[in-house]
Protein backbone atom coordinates (compact mmCIF):
# COMPACT_ATOMS: atom_id res chain seq x y z
CA ASP A 1 66.60 78.60 16.44
CA CYS A 2 69.92 78.36 14.57
CA PHE A 3 72.77 76.00 13.83
CA MET A 4 76.42 76.11 12.84
CA PHE A 5 78.04 73.80 10.32
CA VAL A 6 81.59 72.94 11.42
CA SER A 7 83.32 70.84 8.81
CA GLY A 8 86.61 69.73 7.46
CA GLU A 9 87.11 69.42 3.74
CA TYR A 10 87.29 65.90 2.35
CA ASN A 11 88.55 65.53 -1.24
CA SER A 12 87.53 69.15 -1.92
CA CYS A 13 83.98 68.38 -0.74
CA ILE A 14 81.70 68.17 2.25
CA PRO A 15 82.51 64.99 4.17
CA PRO A 16 79.93 62.31 3.24
CA PRO A 17 78.87 61.68 6.88
CA LEU A 18 77.85 65.35 7.24
CA THR A 19 75.68 65.15 4.12
CA ASN A 20 74.15 61.92 5.41
CA LEU A 21 73.40 63.55 8.78
CA VAL A 22 71.57 66.45 7.16
CA ASP A 23 69.69 64.08 4.85
CA HIS A 24 68.67 61.92 7.81
CA PHE A 25 66.86 64.77 9.55
CA GLY A 26 65.38 66.39 6.44
CA GLY A 27 64.78 69.99 5.57
CA SER A 28 61.93 70.72 7.99
CA VAL A 29 64.31 70.56 10.98
CA PHE A 30 66.48 73.30 9.48
CA ALA A 31 63.87 75.40 7.65
CA TYR A 32 63.49 79.09 8.53
CA LYS A 33 66.58 79.01 10.74
CA THR A 34 69.86 80.87 10.48
CA SER A 35 72.98 78.84 9.77
CA GLY A 36 76.66 79.62 9.98
CA ILE A 37 79.64 77.89 8.42
CA MET A 38 83.08 77.18 9.84
CA CYS A 39 85.43 75.06 7.70
CA TYR A 40 89.03 73.94 7.88
CA SER A 41 91.50 71.95 5.83
CA MET A 42 95.07 70.75 5.81
CA GLY A 43 95.62 72.71 2.61
CA PRO A 44 95.85 76.41 1.81
CA TRP A 45 92.17 76.94 0.95
CA GLY A 46 90.82 76.52 4.48
CA GLY A 47 87.83 74.42 3.51
CA ASN A 48 86.39 77.10 1.20
CA ARG A 49 85.28 74.53 -1.37
CA ALA A 50 83.30 72.67 1.30
CA ALA A 51 81.94 75.99 2.62
CA LEU A 52 80.51 76.85 -0.81
CA GLN A 53 78.81 73.47 -0.95
CA LEU A 54 77.43 73.98 2.56
CA LYS A 55 75.95 77.35 1.54
CA THR A 56 74.14 75.59 -1.31
CA LEU A 57 73.01 72.78 1.00
CA ALA A 58 71.74 75.30 3.57
CA GLY A 59 69.58 76.95 0.92
CA GLU A 60 68.19 73.61 -0.22
CA ILE A 61 67.09 72.71 3.31
CA GLY A 62 65.42 76.09 3.80
CA SER A 63 68.05 77.74 5.98
CA LEU A 64 69.58 81.17 5.51
CA ALA A 65 73.37 80.95 5.79
CA VAL A 66 75.00 84.18 6.92
CA ALA A 67 77.45 85.78 4.51
CA ARG A 68 80.57 85.53 6.66
CA VAL A 69 82.38 82.16 6.78
CA LEU A 70 85.24 81.15 9.06
CA SER A 71 87.84 79.30 7.00
CA ILE A 72 90.98 77.92 8.64
CA PRO A 73 93.72 76.84 6.24
CA LEU A 74 96.61 74.63 7.32
CA ILE A 75 94.66 73.55 10.39
CA HIS A 76 97.54 71.40 11.61
CA GLU A 77 99.67 74.57 11.88
CA SER A 78 96.91 76.93 13.06
CA MET A 79 96.06 75.54 16.51
CA ASP A 80 98.10 74.40 19.48
CA ALA A 81 97.59 71.05 21.23
CA ASP A 82 94.83 72.56 23.40
CA GLY A 83 92.92 73.95 20.38
CA LYS A 84 93.94 77.55 20.92
CA PRO A 85 94.51 79.59 17.74
CA LEU A 86 98.09 80.41 16.85
CA ASN A 87 96.94 83.20 14.56
CA ASP A 88 95.08 86.34 15.70
CA ASP A 89 93.06 86.35 12.47
CA ILE A 90 91.26 83.14 13.46
CA GLU A 91 89.85 84.61 16.66
CA GLY A 92 88.97 87.92 15.02
CA ASN A 93 87.22 86.25 12.10
CA ALA A 94 85.38 83.87 14.45
CA THR A 95 84.10 86.84 16.44
CA LYS A 96 82.87 88.55 13.26
CA LEU A 97 81.08 85.37 12.15
CA ILE A 98 79.44 84.83 15.53
CA ASP A 99 78.31 88.48 15.76
CA GLN A 100 76.67 88.27 12.32
CA PHE A 101 75.25 84.82 13.10
CA GLU A 102 73.74 85.98 16.40
CA TRP A 103 72.18 89.08 14.81
CA HIS A 104 70.51 87.06 12.04
CA ALA A 105 69.39 84.27 14.40
CA THR A 106 67.76 86.77 16.75
CA ALA A 107 66.05 88.60 13.90
CA MET A 108 64.70 85.39 12.36
CA LYS A 109 63.47 84.09 15.73
CA GLU A 110 61.63 87.34 16.43
CA HIS A 111 60.08 87.27 12.95
CA ARG A 112 58.99 83.62 13.33
CA ASN A 113 57.47 84.41 16.73
CA LYS A 114 55.61 87.45 15.41
CA TYR A 115 54.43 86.15 12.02
CA GLY A 116 54.84 82.38 12.17
CA ILE A 117 56.19 80.20 9.40
CA PRO A 118 54.55 80.37 5.98
C-alpha cells in the first residue's frame, strides 16, 4: 500500500543500486501508492540532493511522495553505535514524516478500495 525510500547520497545523487532496484521492478509495482523519503549524508546537506531526485523518480513511477522529507546531515555524528539519534530534531522530524506518510497511505488505500485504479 505504501513504501519508504531510505537512501544515502552518493556523489550528490541517488545511489546507482537504488535506481537499478526501482527500474528492475518497474512503475506498476509502485503506481498509485504513497511514498516517503528519508535521506542522509556525511555532509551538511543531509541527502537533500538525493531526496529531490527521489521525489522526481517517485512521480515518474506513478507514486505520490509526501511533502515532508527526513534529512539527516553529518550522519556519522548524528547517531550512536546502536543507531539511536543524538539529536532530538531527528526523532521529531521522523515522527512528523511518518504521521504524514501514514495519513496519505491510508487515504490512498481507501480511495483505491472504493474506486479502483484508473
